Amino acid sequence: DNFEEVLDFANLFKDIDVDYCQYKPEIIQIERNAAIDKKE
């Protein structure tokens, strides 16, 4: 849903003095996946 904003996020924080910007993959919860028919 949001991978197209990976670079927008980077550009947003490049000049703000945070210590790091962390990217990580979405982790699918088994129960929620079944309940909302989300993709694997």
Full PDB file with SEQRES, HELIX, SHEET, SSBOND, CRYST1, ORIGX, SCALE, CONECT and MASTER records, all heavy atoms in Angstrom:
SEQRES   1 A   40  ASP ASN PHE GLU GLU VAL LEU ASP PHE ALA ASN LEU PHE          
SEQRES   2 A   40  LYS ASP ILE ASP VAL ASP TYR CYS GLN TYR LYS PRO GLU          
SEQRES   3 A   40  ILE ILE GLN ILE GLU ARG ASN ALA ALA ILE ASP LYS LYS          
SEQRES   4 A   40  GLU                                                          
HELIX    1 AA1 PHE A    3  GLU A    5  5                                   3    
HELIX    2 AA2 VAL A    6  PHE A   13  1                                   8    
HELIX    3 AA3 ILE A   30  ILE A   36  1                                   7    
CRYST1    1.000    1.000    1.000  90.00  90.00  90.00 P 1           1          
ORIGX1      1.000000  0.000000  0.000000        0.00000                         
ORIGX2      0.000000  1.000000  0.000000        0.00000                         
ORIGX3      0.000000  0.000000  1.000000        0.00000                         
SCALE1      1.000000  0.000000  0.000000        0.00000                         
SCALE2      0.000000  1.000000  0.000000        0.00000                         
SCALE3      0.000000  0.000000  1.000000        0.00000                         
ATOM      1  N   ASP A   1       0.801  -1.226   0.000  1.00  0.00           N  
ATOM      2  CA  ASP A   1       0.000   0.000   0.000  1.00  0.00           C  
ATOM      3  C   ASP A   1       0.833   1.274   0.000  1.00  0.00           C  
ATOM      4  O   ASP A   1       0.328   2.336  -0.362  1.00  0.00           O  
ATOM      5  CB  ASP A   1      -0.925   0.008   1.224  1.00  0.00           C  
ATOM      6  CG  ASP A   1      -1.884  -1.167   1.235  1.00  0.00           C  
ATOM      7  OD1 ASP A   1      -2.430  -1.491   0.163  1.00  0.00           O  
ATOM      8  OD2 ASP A   1      -2.083  -1.762   2.310  1.00  0.00           O  
ATOM      9  N   ASN A   2       2.089   1.185   0.448  1.00  0.00           N  
ATOM     10  CA  ASN A   2       2.843   2.431   0.613  1.00  0.00           C  
ATOM     11  C   ASN A   2       4.243   2.424   0.014  1.00  0.00           C  
ATOM     12  O   ASN A   2       4.986   3.397   0.162  1.00  0.00           O  
ATOM     13  CB  ASN A   2       2.954   2.775   2.098  1.00  0.00           C  
ATOM     14  CG  ASN A   2       3.816   1.788   2.878  1.00  0.00           C  
ATOM     15  OD1 ASN A   2       4.300   0.791   2.338  1.00  0.00           O  
ATOM     16  ND2 ASN A   2       4.012   2.059   4.159  1.00  0.00           N  
ATOM     17  N   PHE A   3       4.648   1.333  -0.667  1.00  0.00           N  
ATOM     18  CA  PHE A   3       6.040   1.229  -1.127  1.00  0.00           C  
ATOM     19  C   PHE A   3       6.432   2.360  -2.068  1.00  0.00           C  
ATOM     20  O   PHE A   3       7.605   2.722  -2.158  1.00  0.00           O  
ATOM     21  CB  PHE A   3       6.290  -0.132  -1.784  1.00  0.00           C  
ATOM     22  CG  PHE A   3       5.736  -0.284  -3.174  1.00  0.00           C  
ATOM     23  CD1 PHE A   3       6.524  -0.045  -4.290  1.00  0.00           C  
ATOM     24  CD2 PHE A   3       4.406  -0.651  -3.362  1.00  0.00           C  
ATOM     25  CE1 PHE A   3       6.016  -0.186  -5.575  1.00  0.00           C  
ATOM     26  CE2 PHE A   3       3.894  -0.795  -4.640  1.00  0.00           C  
ATOM     27  CZ  PHE A   3       4.698  -0.560  -5.751  1.00  0.00           C  
ATOM     28  N   GLU A   4       5.447   2.944  -2.745  1.00  0.00           N  
ATOM     29  CA  GLU A   4       5.754   4.022  -3.686  1.00  0.00           C  
ATOM     30  C   GLU A   4       6.190   5.307  -2.982  1.00  0.00           C  
ATOM     31  O   GLU A   4       6.657   6.239  -3.637  1.00  0.00           O  
ATOM     32  CB  GLU A   4       4.544   4.288  -4.567  1.00  0.00           C  
ATOM     33  CG  GLU A   4       4.228   3.125  -5.530  1.00  0.00           C  
ATOM     34  CD  GLU A   4       3.000   3.373  -6.381  1.00  0.00           C  
ATOM     35  OE1 GLU A   4       2.144   4.185  -5.948  1.00  0.00           O  
ATOM     36  OE2 GLU A   4       2.907   2.780  -7.462  1.00  0.00           O  
ATOM     37  N   GLU A   5       6.059   5.355  -1.639  1.00  0.00           N  
ATOM     38  CA  GLU A   5       6.479   6.548  -0.897  1.00  0.00           C  
ATOM     39  C   GLU A   5       7.773   6.333  -0.121  1.00  0.00           C  
ATOM     40  O   GLU A   5       8.114   7.127   0.755  1.00  0.00           O  
ATOM     41  CB  GLU A   5       5.356   7.010   0.041  1.00  0.00           C  
ATOM     42  CG  GLU A   5       4.153   7.529  -0.730  1.00  0.00           C  
ATOM     43  CD  GLU A   5       3.204   8.371   0.114  1.00  0.00           C  
ATOM     44  OE1 GLU A   5       3.564   8.758   1.244  1.00  0.00           O  
ATOM     45  OE2 GLU A   5       2.096   8.637  -0.376  1.00  0.00           O  
ATOM     46  N   VAL A   6       8.494   5.276  -0.446  1.00  0.00           N  
ATOM     47  CA  VAL A   6       9.792   5.027   0.195  1.00  0.00           C  
ATOM     48  C   VAL A   6      10.713   6.235   0.045  1.00  0.00           C  
ATOM     49  O   VAL A   6      11.377   6.660   1.003  1.00  0.00           O  
ATOM     50  CB  VAL A   6      10.446   3.756  -0.397  1.00  0.00           C  
ATOM     51  CG1 VAL A   6      11.944   3.711  -0.096  1.00  0.00           C  
ATOM     52  CG2 VAL A   6       9.770   2.499   0.154  1.00  0.00           C  
ATOM     53  N   LEU A   7      10.750   6.806  -1.138  1.00  0.00           N  
ATOM     54  CA  LEU A   7      11.639   7.949  -1.384  1.00  0.00           C  
ATOM     55  C   LEU A   7      11.074   9.240  -0.813  1.00  0.00           C  
ATOM     56  O   LEU A   7      11.833  10.120  -0.367  1.00  0.00           O  
ATOM     57  CB  LEU A   7      11.900   8.095  -2.882  1.00  0.00           C  
ATOM     58  CG  LEU A   7      12.594   6.901  -3.555  1.00  0.00           C  
ATOM     59  CD1 LEU A   7      12.891   7.208  -5.019  1.00  0.00           C  
ATOM     60  CD2 LEU A   7      13.879   6.534  -2.824  1.00  0.00           C  
ATOM     61  N   ASP A   8       9.754   9.395  -0.810  1.00  0.00           N  
ATOM     62  CA  ASP A   8       9.144  10.576  -0.183  1.00  0.00           C  
ATOM     63  C   ASP A   8       9.494  10.633   1.300  1.00  0.00           C  
ATOM     64  O   ASP A   8       9.786  11.703   1.847  1.00  0.00           O  
ATOM     65  CB  ASP A   8       7.617  10.539  -0.349  1.00  0.00           C  
ATOM     66  CG  ASP A   8       7.190  10.652  -1.807  1.00  0.00           C  
ATOM     67  OD1 ASP A   8       7.547  11.646  -2.444  1.00  0.00           O  
ATOM     68  OD2 ASP A   8       6.515   9.737  -2.297  1.00  0.00           O  
ATOM     69  N   PHE A   9       9.455   9.478   1.935  1.00  0.00           N  
ATOM     70  CA  PHE A   9       9.811   9.380   3.349  1.00  0.00           C  
ATOM     71  C   PHE A   9      11.274   9.782   3.560  1.00  0.00           C  
ATOM     72  O   PHE A   9      11.600  10.528   4.490  1.00  0.00           O  
ATOM     73  CB  PHE A   9       9.563   7.946   3.813  1.00  0.00           C  
ATOM     74  CG  PHE A   9       9.918   7.653   5.244  1.00  0.00           C  
ATOM     75  CD1 PHE A   9       9.103   8.084   6.274  1.00  0.00           C  
ATOM     76  CD2 PHE A   9      11.055   6.919   5.559  1.00  0.00           C  
ATOM     77  CE1 PHE A   9       9.415   7.790   7.602  1.00  0.00           C  
ATOM     78  CE2 PHE A   9      11.372   6.620   6.868  1.00  0.00           C  
ATOM     79  CZ  PHE A   9      10.549   7.061   7.895  1.00  0.00           C  
ATOM     80  N   ALA A  10      12.147   9.290   2.703  1.00  0.00           N  
ATOM     81  CA  ALA A  10      13.571   9.617   2.803  1.00  0.00           C  
ATOM     82  C   ALA A  10      13.802  11.118   2.616  1.00  0.00           C  
ATOM     83  O   ALA A  10      14.542  11.745   3.381  1.00  0.00           O  
ATOM     84  CB  ALA A  10      14.367   8.827   1.769  1.00  0.00           C  
ATOM     85  N   ASN A  11      13.159  11.686   1.627  1.00  0.00           N  
ATOM     86  CA  ASN A  11      13.325  13.120   1.371  1.00  0.00           C  
ATOM     87  C   ASN A  11      12.735  13.971   2.485  1.00  0.00           C  
ATOM     88  O   ASN A  11      13.242  15.065   2.785  1.00  0.00           O  
ATOM     89  CB  ASN A  11      12.686  13.493   0.027  1.00  0.00           C  
ATOM     90  CG  ASN A  11      13.544  13.077  -1.160  1.00  0.00           C  
ATOM     91  OD1 ASN A  11      14.741  13.342  -1.187  1.00  0.00           O  
ATOM     92  ND2 ASN A  11      12.946  12.400  -2.128  1.00  0.00           N  
ATOM     93  N   LEU A  12      11.667  13.475   3.102  1.00  0.00           N  
ATOM     94  CA  LEU A  12      11.027  14.205   4.201  1.00  0.00           C  
ATOM     95  C   LEU A  12      11.976  14.351   5.384  1.00  0.00           C  
ATOM     96  O   LEU A  12      12.044  15.417   6.019  1.00  0.00           O  
ATOM     97  CB  LEU A  12       9.750  13.469   4.631  1.00  0.00           C  
ATOM     98  CG  LEU A  12       8.993  14.025   5.835  1.00  0.00           C  
ATOM     99  CD1 LEU A  12       8.419  15.400   5.517  1.00  0.00           C  
ATOM    100  CD2 LEU A  12       7.883  13.063   6.253  1.00  0.00           C  
ATOM    101  N   PHE A  13      12.738  13.292   5.676  1.00  0.00           N  
ATOM    102  CA  PHE A  13      13.547  13.292   6.900  1.00  0.00           C  
ATOM    103  C   PHE A  13      15.043  13.534   6.670  1.00  0.00           C  
ATOM    104  O   PHE A  13      15.804  13.573   7.646  1.00  0.00           O  
ATOM    105  CB  PHE A  13      13.350  11.980   7.655  1.00  0.00           C  
ATOM    106  CG  PHE A  13      12.033  11.916   8.387  1.00  0.00           C  
ATOM    107  CD1 PHE A  13      10.970  11.205   7.860  1.00  0.00           C  
ATOM    108  CD2 PHE A  13      11.855  12.600   9.571  1.00  0.00           C  
ATOM    109  CE1 PHE A  13       9.749  11.161   8.518  1.00  0.00           C  
ATOM    110  CE2 PHE A  13      10.644  12.569  10.243  1.00  0.00           C  
ATOM    111  CZ  PHE A  13       9.580  11.849   9.717  1.00  0.00           C  
ATOM    112  N   LYS A  14      15.443  13.740   5.450  1.00  0.00           N  
ATOM    113  CA  LYS A  14      16.876  13.909   5.212  1.00  0.00           C  
ATOM    114  C   LYS A  14      17.433  15.168   5.887  1.00  0.00           C  
ATOM    115  O   LYS A  14      18.609  15.204   6.287  1.00  0.00           O  
ATOM    116  CB  LYS A  14      17.171  13.937   3.713  1.00  0.00           C  
ATOM    117  CG  LYS A  14      16.625  15.151   2.976  1.00  0.00           C  
ATOM    118  CD  LYS A  14      17.003  15.116   1.496  1.00  0.00           C  
ATOM    119  CE  LYS A  14      16.476  16.343   0.764  1.00  0.00           C  
ATOM    120  NZ  LYS A  14      16.830  16.334  -0.670  1.00  0.00           N  
ATOM    121  N   ASP A  15      16.587  16.194   6.046  1.00  0.00           N  
ATOM    122  CA  ASP A  15      17.051  17.446   6.655  1.00  0.00           C  
ATOM    123  C   ASP A  15      16.472  17.671   8.049  1.00  0.00           C  
ATOM    124  O   ASP A  15      16.584  18.759   8.605  1.00  0.00           O  
ATOM    125  CB  ASP A  15      16.698  18.631   5.742  1.00  0.00           C  
ATOM    126  CG  ASP A  15      17.426  18.569   4.404  1.00  0.00           C  
ATOM    127  OD1 ASP A  15      18.612  18.195   4.402  1.00  0.00           O  
ATOM    128  OD2 ASP A  15      16.809  18.887   3.380  1.00  0.00           O  
ATOM    129  N   ILE A  16      15.810  16.659   8.601  1.00  0.00           N  
ATOM    130  CA  ILE A  16      15.331  16.715   9.983  1.00  0.00           C  
ATOM    131  C   ILE A  16      16.288  15.869  10.821  1.00  0.00           C  
ATOM    132  O   ILE A  16      16.670  14.773  10.427  1.00  0.00           O  
ATOM    133  CB  ILE A  16      13.885  16.164  10.092  1.00  0.00           C  
ATOM    134  CG1 ILE A  16      12.927  17.044   9.270  1.00  0.00           C  
ATOM    135  CG2 ILE A  16      13.436  16.119  11.551  1.00  0.00           C  
ATOM    136  CD1 ILE A  16      11.500  16.535   9.236  1.00  0.00           C  
ATOM    137  N   ASP A  17      16.679  16.369  11.982  1.00  0.00           N  
ATOM    138  CA  ASP A  17      17.766  15.751  12.744  1.00  0.00           C  
ATOM    139  C   ASP A  17      17.354  14.514  13.546  1.00  0.00           C  
ATOM    140  O   ASP A  17      17.669  14.384  14.737  1.00  0.00           O  
ATOM    141  CB  ASP A  17      18.391  16.779  13.688  1.00  0.00           C  
ATOM    142  CG  ASP A  17      19.222  17.806  12.950  1.00  0.00           C  
ATOM    143  OD1 ASP A  17      19.649  17.499  11.823  1.00  0.00           O  
ATOM    144  OD2 ASP A  17      19.438  18.902  13.487  1.00  0.00           O  
ATOM    145  N   VAL A  18      16.646  13.600  12.892  1.00  0.00           N  
ATOM    146  CA  VAL A  18      16.427  12.295  13.531  1.00  0.00           C  
ATOM    147  C   VAL A  18      17.727  11.502  13.419  1.00  0.00           C  
ATOM    148  O   VAL A  18      18.568  11.775  12.568  1.00  0.00           O  
ATOM    149  CB  VAL A  18      15.269  11.518  12.877  1.00  0.00           C  
ATOM    150  CG1 VAL A  18      13.940  12.224  13.112  1.00  0.00           C  
ATOM    151  CG2 VAL A  18      15.512  11.311  11.386  1.00  0.00           C  
ATOM    152  N   ASP A  19      17.882  10.500  14.279  1.00  0.00           N  
ATOM    153  CA  ASP A  19      19.112   9.709  14.268  1.00  0.00           C  
ATOM    154  C   ASP A  19      19.085   8.613  13.215  1.00  0.00           C  
ATOM    155  O   ASP A  19      20.137   8.208  12.716  1.00  0.00           O  
ATOM    156  CB  ASP A  19      19.349   9.097  15.653  1.00  0.00           C  
ATOM    157  CG  ASP A  19      19.635  10.170  16.694  1.00  0.00           C  
ATOM    158  OD1 ASP A  19      20.717  10.778  16.632  1.00  0.00           O  
ATOM    159  OD2 ASP A  19      18.770  10.406  17.555  1.00  0.00           O  
ATOM    160  N   TYR A  20      17.893   8.095  12.914  1.00  0.00           N  
ATOM    161  CA  TYR A  20      17.802   7.081  11.873  1.00  0.00           C  
ATOM    162  C   TYR A  20      16.404   7.027  11.291  1.00  0.00           C  
ATOM    163  O   TYR A  20      15.426   7.463  11.899  1.00  0.00           O  
ATOM    164  CB  TYR A  20      18.210   5.697  12.405  1.00  0.00           C  
ATOM    165  CG  TYR A  20      17.257   5.091  13.408  1.00  0.00           C  
ATOM    166  CD1 TYR A  20      16.137   4.360  12.993  1.00  0.00           C  
ATOM    167  CD2 TYR A  20      17.480   5.225  14.772  1.00  0.00           C  
ATOM    168  CE1 TYR A  20      15.266   3.792  13.911  1.00  0.00           C  
ATOM    169  CE2 TYR A  20      16.614   4.663  15.693  1.00  0.00           C  
ATOM    170  CZ  TYR A  20      15.511   3.948  15.261  1.00  0.00           C  
ATOM    171  OH  TYR A  20      14.648   3.402  16.171  1.00  0.00           O  
ATOM    172  N   CYS A  21      16.334   6.495  10.075  1.00  0.00           N  
ATOM    173  CA  CYS A  21      15.068   6.210   9.396  1.00  0.00           C  
ATOM    174  C   CYS A  21      15.061   4.714   9.085  1.00  0.00           C  
ATOM    175  O   CYS A  21      15.894   4.240   8.310  1.00  0.00           O  
ATOM    176  CB  CYS A  21      14.935   7.017   8.112  1.00  0.00           C  
ATOM    177  SG  CYS A  21      14.935   8.799   8.355  1.00  0.00           S  
ATOM    178  N   GLN A  22      14.137   4.002   9.676  1.00  0.00           N  
ATOM    179  CA  GLN A  22      14.128   2.546   9.581  1.00  0.00           C  
ATOM    180  C   GLN A  22      13.058   2.068   8.601  1.00  0.00           C  
ATOM    181  O   GLN A  22      11.890   2.442   8.691  1.00  0.00           O  
ATOM    182  CB  GLN A  22      13.834   1.935  10.955  1.00  0.00           C  
ATOM    183  CG  GLN A  22      13.746   0.420  10.960  1.00  0.00           C  
ATOM    184  CD  GLN A  22      13.086  -0.108  12.218  1.00  0.00           C  
ATOM    185  OE1 GLN A  22      12.070   0.403  12.654  1.00  0.00           O  
ATOM    186  NE2 GLN A  22      13.684  -1.138  12.807  1.00  0.00           N  
ATOM    187  N   TYR A  23      13.481   1.221   7.671  1.00  0.00           N  
ATOM    188  CA  TYR A  23      12.556   0.534   6.767  1.00  0.00           C  
ATOM    189  C   TYR A  23      12.521  -0.944   7.143  1.00  0.00           C  
ATOM    190  O   TYR A  23      13.567  -1.550   7.406  1.00  0.00           O  
ATOM    191  CB  TYR A  23      13.024   0.650   5.312  1.00  0.00           C  
ATOM    192  CG  TYR A  23      13.004   2.055   4.745  1.00  0.00           C  
ATOM    193  CD1 TYR A  23      14.138   2.871   4.820  1.00  0.00           C  
ATOM    194  CD2 TYR A  23      11.873   2.543   4.100  1.00  0.00           C  
ATOM    195  CE1 TYR A  23      14.130   4.153   4.282  1.00  0.00           C  
ATOM    196  CE2 TYR A  23      11.859   3.821   3.559  1.00  0.00           C  
ATOM    197  CZ  TYR A  23      12.990   4.620   3.651  1.00  0.00           C  
ATOM    198  OH  TYR A  23      12.979   5.886   3.109  1.00  0.00           O  
ATOM    199  N   LYS A  24      11.319  -1.519   7.163  1.00  0.00           N  
ATOM    200  CA  LYS A  24      11.209  -2.954   7.411  1.00  0.00           C  
ATOM    201  C   LYS A  24       9.959  -3.484   6.719  1.00  0.00           C  
ATOM    202  O   LYS A  24       9.008  -2.740   6.476  1.00  0.00           O  
ATOM    203  CB  LYS A  24      11.167  -3.261   8.909  1.00  0.00           C  
ATOM    204  CG  LYS A  24       9.999  -2.657   9.652  1.00  0.00           C  
ATOM    205  CD  LYS A  24      10.086  -3.040  11.132  1.00  0.00           C  
ATOM    206  CE  LYS A  24       8.905  -2.478  11.913  1.00  0.00           C  
ATOM    207  NZ  LYS A  24       8.966  -2.851  13.337  1.00  0.00           N  
ATOM    208  N   PRO A  25       9.950  -4.765   6.384  1.00  0.00           N  
ATOM    209  CA  PRO A  25       8.804  -5.328   5.663  1.00  0.00           C  
ATOM    210  C   PRO A  25       7.593  -5.513   6.561  1.00  0.00           C  
ATOM    211  O   PRO A  25       7.710  -5.769   7.757  1.00  0.00           O  
ATOM    212  CB  PRO A  25       9.324  -6.685   5.166  1.00  0.00           C  
ATOM    213  CG  PRO A  25      10.409  -7.041   6.126  1.00  0.00           C  
ATOM    214  CD  PRO A  25      11.038  -5.749   6.545  1.00  0.00           C  
ATOM    215  N   GLU A  26       6.420  -5.379   5.965  1.00  0.00           N  
ATOM    216  CA  GLU A  26       5.185  -5.695   6.670  1.00  0.00           C  
ATOM    217  C   GLU A  26       5.183  -7.177   7.036  1.00  0.00           C  
ATOM    218  O   GLU A  26       5.545  -8.035   6.231  1.00  0.00           O  
ATOM    219  CB  GLU A  26       3.983  -5.397   5.773  1.00  0.00           C  
ATOM    220  CG  GLU A  26       2.648  -5.795   6.381  1.00  0.00           C  
ATOM    221  CD  GLU A  26       1.482  -5.607   5.420  1.00  0.00           C  
ATOM    222  OE1 GLU A  26       1.723  -5.478   4.207  1.00  0.00           O  
ATOM    223  OE2 GLU A  26       0.339  -5.595   5.894  1.00  0.00           O  
ATOM    224  N   ILE A  27       4.782  -7.475   8.269  1.00  0.00           N  
ATOM    225  CA  ILE A  27       4.680  -8.858   8.725  1.00  0.00           C  
ATOM    226  C   ILE A  27       3.205  -9.213   8.835  1.00  0.00           C  
ATOM    227  O   ILE A  27       2.452  -8.553   9.554  1.00  0.00           O  
ATOM    228  CB  ILE A  27       5.368  -9.058  10.088  1.00  0.00           C  
ATOM    229  CG1 ILE A  27       6.817  -8.568  10.012  1.00  0.00           C  
ATOM    230  CG2 ILE A  27       5.299 -10.511  10.509  1.00  0.00           C  
ATOM    231  CD1 ILE A  27       7.648  -9.209   8.934  1.00  0.00           C  
ATOM    232  N   ILE A  28       2.791 -10.234   8.114  1.00  0.00           N  
ATOM    233  CA  ILE A  28       1.386 -10.620   8.094  1.00  0.00           C  
ATOM    234  C   ILE A  28       1.050 -11.440   9.333  1.00  0.00           C  
ATOM    235  O   ILE A  28       1.657 -12.477   9.591  1.00  0.00           O  
ATOM    236  CB  ILE A  28       1.053 -11.431   6.823  1.00  0.00           C  
ATOM    237  CG1 ILE A  28       1.360 -10.606   5.577  1.00  0.00           C  
ATOM    238  CG2 ILE A  28      -0.404 -11.878   6.843  1.00  0.00           C  
ATOM    239  CD1 ILE A  28       0.560  -9.330   5.462  1.00  0.00           C  
ATOM    240  N   GLN A  29       0.077 -10.974  10.111  1.00  0.00           N  
ATOM    241  CA  GLN A  29      -0.421 -11.725  11.250  1.00  0.00           C  
ATOM    242  C   GLN A  29      -1.392 -12.793  10.758  1.00  0.00           C  
ATOM    243  O   GLN A  29      -2.305 -12.510   9.982  1.00  0.00           O  
ATOM    244  CB  GLN A  29      -1.139 -10.789  12.232  1.00  0.00           C  
ATOM    245  CG  GLN A  29      -0.203  -9.858  12.981  1.00  0.00           C  
ATOM    246  CD  GLN A  29       0.589 -10.593  14.044  1.00  0.00           C  
ATOM    247  OE1 GLN A  29       0.134 -11.577  14.606  1.00  0.00           O  
ATOM    248  NE2 GLN A  29       1.790 -10.119  14.318  1.00  0.00           N  
ATOM    249  N   ILE A  30      -1.199 -14.015  11.199  1.00  0.00           N  
ATOM    250  CA  ILE A  30      -1.984 -15.148  10.699  1.00  0.00           C  
ATOM    251  C   ILE A  30      -3.482 -14.931  10.876  1.00  0.00           C  
ATOM    252  O   ILE A  30      -4.262 -15.071   9.943  1.00  0.00           O  
ATOM    253  CB  ILE A  30      -1.547 -16.446  11.409  1.00  0.00           C  
ATOM    254  CG1 ILE A  30      -0.087 -16.759  11.042  1.00  0.00           C  
ATOM    255  CG2 ILE A  30      -2.460 -17.606  11.036  1.00  0.00           C  
ATOM    256  CD1 ILE A  30       0.522 -17.877  11.863  1.00  0.00           C  
ATOM    257  N   GLU A  31      -3.898 -14.549  12.082  1.00  0.00           N  
ATOM    258  CA  GLU A  31      -5.330 -14.410  12.357  1.00  0.00           C  
ATOM    259  C   GLU A  31      -5.945 -13.242  11.597  1.00  0.00           C  
ATOM    260  O   GLU A  31      -7.025 -13.344  11.032  1.00  0.00           O  
ATOM    261  CB  GLU A  31      -5.561 -14.216  13.857  1.00  0.00           C  
ATOM    262  CG  GLU A  31      -5.247 -15.456  14.650  1.00  0.00           C  
ATOM    263  CD  GLU A  31      -4.798 -15.125  16.047  1.00  0.00           C  
ATOM    264  OE1 GLU A  31      -3.899 -14.294  16.196  1.00  0.00           O  
ATOM    265  OE2 GLU A  31      -5.352 -15.695  16.974  1.00  0.00           O  
ATOM    266  N   ARG A  32      -5.250 -12.126  11.585  1.00  0.00           N  
ATOM    267  CA  ARG A  32      -5.784 -10.958  10.883  1.00  0.00           C  
ATOM    268  C   ARG A  32      -5.855 -11.226   9.392  1.00  0.00           C  
ATOM    269  O   ARG A  32      -6.784 -10.828   8.706  1.00  0.00           O  
ATOM    270  CB  ARG A  32      -4.922  -9.732  11.166  1.00  0.00           C  
ATOM    271  CG  ARG A  32      -5.544  -8.430  10.666  1.00  0.00           C  
ATOM    272  CD  ARG A  32      -4.769  -7.231  11.175  1.00  0.00           C  
ATOM    273  NE  ARG A  32      -5.335  -5.992  10.672  1.00  0.00           N  
ATOM    274  CZ  ARG A  32      -6.349  -5.347  11.232  1.00  0.00           C  
ATOM    275  NH1 ARG A  32      -6.919  -5.843  12.299  1.00  0.00           N  
ATOM    276  NH2 ARG A  32      -6.800  -4.214  10.725  1.00  0.00           N  
ATOM    277  N   ASN A  33      -4.878 -11.933   8.888  1.00  0.00           N  
ATOM    278  CA  ASN A  33      -4.851 -12.301   7.476  1.00  0.00           C  
ATOM    279  C   ASN A  33      -6.114 -13.072   7.100  1.00  0.00           C  
ATOM    280  O   ASN A  33      -6.792 -12.763   6.126  1.00  0.00           O  
ATOM    281  CB  ASN A  33      -3.603 -13.156   7.207  1.00  0.00           C  
ATOM    282  CG  ASN A  33      -3.454 -13.502   5.737  1.00  0.00           C  
ATOM    283  OD1 ASN A  33      -4.019 -12.841   4.881  1.00  0.00           O  
ATOM    284  ND2 ASN A  33      -2.702 -14.548   5.462  1.00  0.00           N  
ATOM    285  N   ALA A  34      -6.450 -14.066   7.905  1.00  0.00           N  
ATOM    286  CA  ALA A  34      -7.636 -14.884   7.618  1.00  0.00           C  
ATOM    287  C   ALA A  34      -8.922 -14.080   7.761  1.00  0.00           C  
ATOM    288  O   ALA A  34      -9.877 -14.266   7.015  1.00  0.00           O  
ATOM    289  CB  ALA A  34      -7.667 -16.084   8.566  1.00  0.00           C  
ATOM    290  N   ALA A  35      -8.926 -13.155   8.727  1.00  0.00           N  
ATOM    291  CA  ALA A  35     -10.151 -12.419   9.013  1.00  0.00           C  
ATOM    292  C   ALA A  35     -10.493 -11.401   7.930  1.00  0.00           C  
ATOM    293  O   ALA A  35     -11.658 -11.162   7.636  1.00  0.00           O  
ATOM    294  CB  ALA A  35     -10.017 -11.708  10.360  1.00  0.00           C  
ATOM    295  N   ILE A  36      -9.489 -10.790   7.339  1.00  0.00           N  
ATOM    296  CA  ILE A  36      -9.772  -9.738   6.363  1.00  0.00           C  
ATOM    297  C   ILE A  36      -9.424 -10.167   4.943  1.00  0.00           C  
ATOM    298  O   ILE A  36      -9.422  -9.353   4.021  1.00  0.00           O  
ATOM    299  CB  ILE A  36      -8.992  -8.445   6.709  1.00  0.00           C  
ATOM    300  CG1 ILE A  36      -7.476  -8.670   6.649  1.00  0.00           C  
ATOM    301  CG2 ILE A  36      -9.390  -7.944   8.088  1.00  0.00           C  
ATOM    302  CD1 ILE A  36      -6.667  -7.411   6.910  1.00  0.00           C  
ATOM    303  N   ASP A  37      -9.130 -11.456   4.770  1.00  0.00           N  
ATOM    304  CA  ASP A  37      -8.823 -11.993   3.448  1.00  0.00           C  
ATOM    305  C   ASP A  37      -7.683 -11.230   2.787  1.00  0.00           C  
ATOM    306  O   ASP A  37      -7.716 -10.920   1.597  1.00  0.00           O  
ATOM    307  CB  ASP A  37     -10.073 -11.939   2.549  1.00  0.00           C  
ATOM    308  CG  ASP A  37      -9.900 -12.821   1.298  1.00  0.00           C  
ATOM    309  OD1 ASP A  37      -9.151 -13.811   1.396  1.00  0.00           O  
ATOM    310  OD2 ASP A  37     -10.511 -12.511   0.269  1.00  0.00           O  
ATOM    311  N   LYS A  38      -6.674 -10.904   3.590  1.00  0.00           N  
ATOM    312  CA  LYS A  38      -5.522 -10.182   3.066  1.00  0.00           C  
ATOM    313  C   LYS A  38      -4.604 -11.139   2.312  1.00  0.00           C  
ATOM    314  O   LYS A  38      -4.576 -12.330   2.583  1.00  0.00           O  
ATOM    315  CB  LYS A  38      -4.740  -9.541   4.219  1.00  0.00           C  
ATOM    316  CG  LYS A  38      -3.680  -8.550   3.770  1.00  0.00           C  
ATOM    317  CD  LYS A  38      -3.064  -7.888   4.987  1.00  0.00           C  
ATOM    318  CE  LYS A  38      -1.953  -6.909   4.589  1.00  0.00           C  
ATOM    319  NZ  LYS A  38      -2.456  -5.754   3.885  1.00  0.00           N  
ATOM    320  N   LYS A  39      -3.847 -10.608   1.375  1.00  0.00           N  
ATOM    321  CA  LYS A  39      -2.908 -11.435   0.640  1.00  0.00           C  
ATOM    322  C   LYS A  39      -1.850 -11.993   1.579  1.00  0.00           C  
ATOM    323  O   LYS A  39      -1.661 -11.518   2.682  1.00  0.00           O  
ATOM    324  CB  LYS A  39      -2.240 -10.612  -0.466  1.00  0.00           C  
ATOM    325  CG  LYS A  39      -3.196 -10.172  -1.563  1.00  0.00           C  
ATOM    326  CD  LYS A  39      -2.446  -9.361  -2.600  1.00  0.00           C  
ATOM    327  CE  LYS A  39      -3.385  -8.903  -3.713  1.00  0.00           C  
ATOM    328  NZ  LYS A  39      -2.683  -8.081  -4.717  1.00  0.00           N  
ATOM    329  N   GLU A  40      -1.147 -13.007   1.102  1.00  0.00           N  
ATOM    330  CA  GLU A  40      -0.085 -13.592   1.903  1.00  0.00           C  
ATOM    331  C   GLU A  40       1.071 -12.604   2.047  1.00  0.00           C  
ATOM    332  O   GLU A  40       1.070 -11.521   1.465  1.00  0.00           O  
ATOM    333  CB  GLU A  40       0.412 -14.878   1.248  1.00  0.00           C  
ATOM    334  CG  GLU A  40      -0.610 -16.006   1.271  1.00  0.00           C  
ATOM    335  CD  GLU A  40      -0.034 -17.290   0.730  1.00  0.00           C  
ATOM    336  OE1 GLU A  40       1.120 -17.274   0.262  1.00  0.00           O  
ATOM    337  OE2 GLU A  40      -0.736 -18.309   0.788  1.00  0.00           O  
TER     338      GLU A  40                                                      
MASTER        0    0    0    3    0    0    0    6  337    1    0    4          
END                                                                             
